[in-house]
Amino acid sequence: NKHIEVIPSGYNVRRFKQLDSEKCRKALNLPKDKKIILFVGHLIERKGLVYLVKALEILNRKNKEFFCCMVGSGILEKRLKDQISKFGIKNKVFLAGRRDPDEMAVWMNACDVLVLPSLSEGLPNVISEALACGKPVVATNVAGNPEIINKYVGYLVKPKNENDLAEKIILALNKKWKKEDLLKRAEKFSVTNSVKKLIKVYRGLKA
C-alpha cells in the first residue's frame, strides 16, 4: 500500500560500534584462541535455543574448536543446562545470564559470529547491532530476519533444523567477511536512519 511506510526502531549508534576484539575478550575473561559463537536474548522456547545446542553438539562431533556464550535469562535455563551436560559440551558453552545493556557491545565485539535460531521474530535489533560491531550473523529465515540479512553479511537457515544451523555456523566462522559490507548494512537499520525516514514521512503529510 502506497500509504504505508515501514520504519524500523533502529539500533543505538552510540552504544553499538566496533571495539578492539582482544580487549573485549580480556574484559569478559573469554578465550583468545577459540572461535566464539554468541547468542543474545531471552532463554525461552521461541528463541530456538534447543536447536542451537543440538547444532553445537554437531560441531563438537566434527572436532570444531569453538566457545559459545549465551547472554540472557529465562525459563529455559535449566533445560539448556541439562541438554548441554547430556551432550558433553559443558566446557564449550557459557550461560552468562542477564547482563547490563551497556555491556552488550563488548560481548558482540568479542565474538566471531552472532547466532539467532528463533522460531519466530519481529525485526530484531540484535542483528543490526551485531553488524554495527562488524560481526556476521547466522539467523533463521523467519519474519524480519531476511529483511536485514543478505549474502554479504550472514546466512539464513531453516528453523528447527540443527544440521542446517551447524553447517551455516561453520561457513560463517570460516569466511572472510568484509567489514565495510557489515557496517554499511547495519547503517540502514540504525536509529539515525530511522529518524531521517520518520522526518521525511512527517514532512510529506498534508495539513
Protein backbone atom coordinates (compact mmCIF):
# COMPACT_ATOMS: atom_id res chain seq x y z
CA ASN A 1 0.00 0.00 0.00
CA LYS A 2 1.47 3.33 -1.06
CA HIS A 3 0.14 4.95 2.13
CA ILE A 4 2.17 2.67 4.39
CA GLU A 5 5.80 3.35 5.34
CA VAL A 6 7.67 0.75 7.41
CA ILE A 7 10.35 2.23 9.68
CA PRO A 8 12.49 0.00 11.93
CA SER A 9 13.03 1.05 15.55
CA GLY A 10 16.76 1.23 14.86
CA TYR A 11 19.77 0.30 16.99
CA ASN A 12 21.59 2.70 19.31
CA VAL A 13 24.51 4.07 17.25
CA ARG A 14 26.32 5.43 20.32
CA ARG A 15 26.32 2.07 22.04
CA PHE A 16 26.92 -0.35 19.19
CA LYS A 17 30.12 0.21 17.25
CA GLN A 18 33.44 -1.51 16.59
CA LEU A 19 35.75 -2.06 19.56
CA ASP A 20 39.05 -3.92 19.94
CA SER A 21 38.14 -7.62 19.95
CA GLU A 22 41.10 -8.76 22.06
CA LYS A 23 40.43 -6.15 24.72
CA CYS A 24 36.75 -7.14 24.82
CA ARG A 25 37.62 -10.81 25.27
CA LYS A 26 40.07 -9.93 28.03
CA ALA A 27 37.47 -7.76 29.80
CA LEU A 28 34.95 -10.63 29.72
CA ASN A 29 37.55 -13.32 30.54
CA LEU A 30 36.83 -15.19 27.31
CA PRO A 31 39.33 -17.44 25.48
CA LYS A 32 41.56 -15.67 22.98
CA ASP A 33 42.29 -18.72 20.84
CA LYS A 34 38.75 -20.02 20.19
CA LYS A 35 36.06 -19.13 17.67
CA ILE A 36 33.33 -17.50 19.75
CA ILE A 37 29.66 -18.00 18.92
CA LEU A 38 27.27 -15.57 20.61
CA PHE A 39 23.56 -15.60 21.37
CA VAL A 40 21.86 -12.61 22.99
CA GLY A 41 18.22 -12.76 24.09
CA HIS A 42 15.69 -14.36 26.42
CA LEU A 43 16.19 -18.04 27.18
CA ILE A 44 12.71 -19.05 26.05
CA GLU A 45 11.24 -21.65 23.67
CA ARG A 46 10.59 -19.15 20.86
CA LYS A 47 14.29 -18.35 20.54
CA GLY A 48 15.08 -21.87 19.32
CA LEU A 49 17.97 -22.44 21.72
CA VAL A 50 17.32 -26.16 21.93
CA TYR A 51 18.30 -26.37 18.26
CA LEU A 52 21.37 -24.21 18.83
CA VAL A 53 22.63 -26.61 21.50
CA LYS A 54 21.99 -29.54 19.12
CA ALA A 55 23.98 -27.68 16.44
CA LEU A 56 26.82 -27.16 18.92
CA GLU A 57 26.84 -30.89 19.64
CA ILE A 58 27.26 -31.47 15.88
CA LEU A 59 30.18 -29.02 15.80
CA ASN A 60 31.74 -30.84 18.73
CA ARG A 61 31.41 -34.22 16.99
CA LYS A 62 33.14 -32.71 13.97
CA ASN A 63 36.01 -31.66 16.26
CA LYS A 64 35.44 -27.96 15.60
CA GLU A 65 37.09 -25.59 18.06
CA PHE A 66 34.52 -23.15 19.45
CA PHE A 67 33.22 -21.46 22.58
CA CYS A 68 29.56 -20.44 22.74
CA CYS A 69 28.24 -17.67 25.00
CA MET A 70 24.52 -17.31 25.69
CA VAL A 71 23.72 -13.93 27.19
CA GLY A 72 20.28 -13.66 28.75
CA SER A 73 17.97 -15.33 31.25
CA GLY A 74 14.66 -17.17 31.11
CA ILE A 75 12.61 -20.23 31.98
CA LEU A 76 14.57 -22.47 29.60
CA GLU A 77 17.83 -22.13 31.54
CA LYS A 78 17.66 -25.44 33.45
CA ARG A 79 16.61 -27.40 30.37
CA LEU A 80 19.51 -25.92 28.40
CA LYS A 81 21.98 -26.77 31.18
CA ASP A 82 20.73 -30.37 31.23
CA GLN A 83 20.97 -30.59 27.43
CA ILE A 84 24.49 -29.13 27.41
CA SER A 85 25.58 -31.58 30.10
CA LYS A 86 23.98 -34.52 28.25
CA PHE A 87 25.89 -33.65 25.05
CA GLY A 88 29.18 -33.35 26.93
CA ILE A 89 29.89 -29.76 25.90
CA LYS A 90 29.83 -28.03 29.31
CA ASN A 91 33.38 -26.79 28.78
CA LYS A 92 32.41 -25.20 25.46
CA VAL A 93 29.21 -23.36 26.43
CA PHE A 94 28.87 -20.47 28.87
CA LEU A 95 25.47 -19.31 30.12
CA ALA A 96 26.34 -15.74 31.04
CA GLY A 97 22.95 -14.78 32.47
CA ARG A 98 21.36 -11.35 32.25
CA ARG A 99 23.83 -8.53 31.62
CA ASP A 100 23.72 -4.74 31.60
CA PRO A 101 22.60 -3.37 28.19
CA ASP A 102 25.70 -1.14 28.14
CA GLU A 103 27.79 -4.33 28.17
CA MET A 104 26.21 -5.85 25.05
CA ALA A 105 28.55 -4.14 22.58
CA VAL A 106 31.52 -5.64 24.43
CA TRP A 107 30.07 -9.15 24.04
CA MET A 108 29.36 -8.59 20.36
CA ASN A 109 32.84 -7.28 19.65
CA ALA A 110 34.32 -10.25 21.47
CA CYS A 111 32.55 -12.82 19.27
CA ASP A 112 33.19 -14.14 15.76
CA VAL A 113 29.54 -14.67 14.82
CA LEU A 114 26.12 -13.88 16.30
CA VAL A 115 23.54 -16.67 16.07
CA LEU A 116 19.78 -16.15 16.32
CA PRO A 117 17.97 -19.51 15.94
CA SER A 118 14.47 -18.12 16.65
CA LEU A 119 11.28 -19.91 15.66
CA SER A 120 9.58 -16.52 15.21
CA GLU A 121 10.72 -12.90 15.38
CA GLY A 122 9.78 -9.32 14.54
CA LEU A 123 12.59 -7.20 13.12
CA PRO A 124 15.24 -7.90 15.79
CA ASN A 125 17.65 -5.08 16.59
CA VAL A 126 20.18 -7.63 17.85
CA ILE A 127 21.05 -8.50 14.23
CA SER A 128 21.81 -4.93 13.16
CA GLU A 129 23.61 -4.34 16.48
CA ALA A 130 25.99 -7.21 15.71
CA LEU A 131 26.55 -5.94 12.16
CA ALA A 132 27.35 -2.50 13.58
CA CYS A 133 30.07 -4.16 15.65
CA GLY A 134 31.46 -5.70 12.45
CA LYS A 135 30.20 -9.24 13.11
CA PRO A 136 28.37 -11.57 10.69
CA VAL A 137 25.06 -13.18 11.67
CA VAL A 138 23.50 -16.62 11.27
CA ALA A 139 19.74 -16.47 11.81
CA THR A 140 16.62 -18.42 10.95
CA ASN A 141 14.65 -17.46 7.86
CA VAL A 142 11.62 -16.12 9.75
CA ALA A 143 9.73 -12.82 9.88
CA GLY A 144 12.01 -9.77 9.55
CA ASN A 145 15.36 -11.60 9.63
CA PRO A 146 15.66 -11.89 5.81
CA GLU A 147 14.93 -8.15 5.53
CA ILE A 148 18.27 -7.46 7.23
CA ILE A 149 20.48 -10.42 6.31
CA ASN A 150 21.85 -10.81 2.79
CA LYS A 151 24.74 -12.90 1.43
CA TYR A 152 27.24 -10.16 2.26
CA VAL A 153 26.53 -10.09 6.00
CA GLY A 154 25.46 -13.58 7.03
CA TYR A 155 23.44 -16.71 6.43
CA LEU A 156 19.77 -17.62 6.80
CA VAL A 157 18.85 -21.11 7.99
CA LYS A 158 15.73 -23.24 8.21
CA PRO A 159 14.05 -23.00 11.63
CA LYS A 160 14.11 -26.12 13.82
CA ASN A 161 16.97 -27.56 11.75
CA GLU A 162 20.15 -28.13 13.75
CA ASN A 163 22.01 -29.60 10.76
CA ASP A 164 21.48 -26.50 8.61
CA LEU A 165 22.32 -24.31 11.60
CA ALA A 166 25.58 -26.16 12.27
CA GLU A 167 26.56 -26.02 8.59
CA LYS A 168 25.96 -22.26 8.33
CA ILE A 169 27.81 -21.55 11.58
CA ILE A 170 30.85 -23.37 10.19
CA LEU A 171 30.61 -21.42 6.92
CA ALA A 172 30.29 -18.12 8.81
CA LEU A 173 33.29 -18.86 11.02
CA ASN A 174 35.46 -19.82 8.06
CA LYS A 175 34.51 -16.97 5.72
CA LYS A 176 36.49 -13.76 5.38
CA TRP A 177 33.81 -11.08 5.79
CA LYS A 178 34.27 -7.54 4.52
CA LYS A 179 33.81 -5.16 7.43
CA GLU A 180 32.63 -2.38 5.13
CA ASP A 181 29.74 -4.59 3.92
CA LEU A 182 28.71 -5.38 7.50
CA LEU A 183 28.85 -1.75 8.66
CA LYS A 184 27.09 -0.42 5.56
CA ARG A 185 24.22 -2.88 6.02
CA ALA A 186 23.92 -2.03 9.70
CA GLU A 187 23.64 1.69 8.92
CA LYS A 188 20.36 1.08 7.05
CA PHE A 189 18.82 -0.16 10.31
CA SER A 190 20.30 2.45 12.66
CA VAL A 191 18.16 4.78 14.75
CA THR A 192 19.78 7.68 12.85
CA ASN A 193 18.45 6.37 9.55
CA SER A 194 15.04 5.62 11.09
CA VAL A 195 14.75 9.21 12.35
CA LYS A 196 15.54 10.53 8.87
CA LYS A 197 12.79 8.33 7.42
CA LEU A 198 10.33 9.45 10.09
CA ILE A 199 11.04 13.13 9.45
CA LYS A 200 10.56 12.56 5.73
CA VAL A 201 7.15 10.98 6.38
CA TYR A 202 6.05 13.89 8.61
CA ARG A 203 7.20 16.46 6.08
CA GLY A 204 5.25 14.67 3.38
CA LEU A 205 1.97 14.86 5.28
CA LYS A 206 -0.64 17.30 4.06
CA ALA A 207 -2.18 19.66 6.57
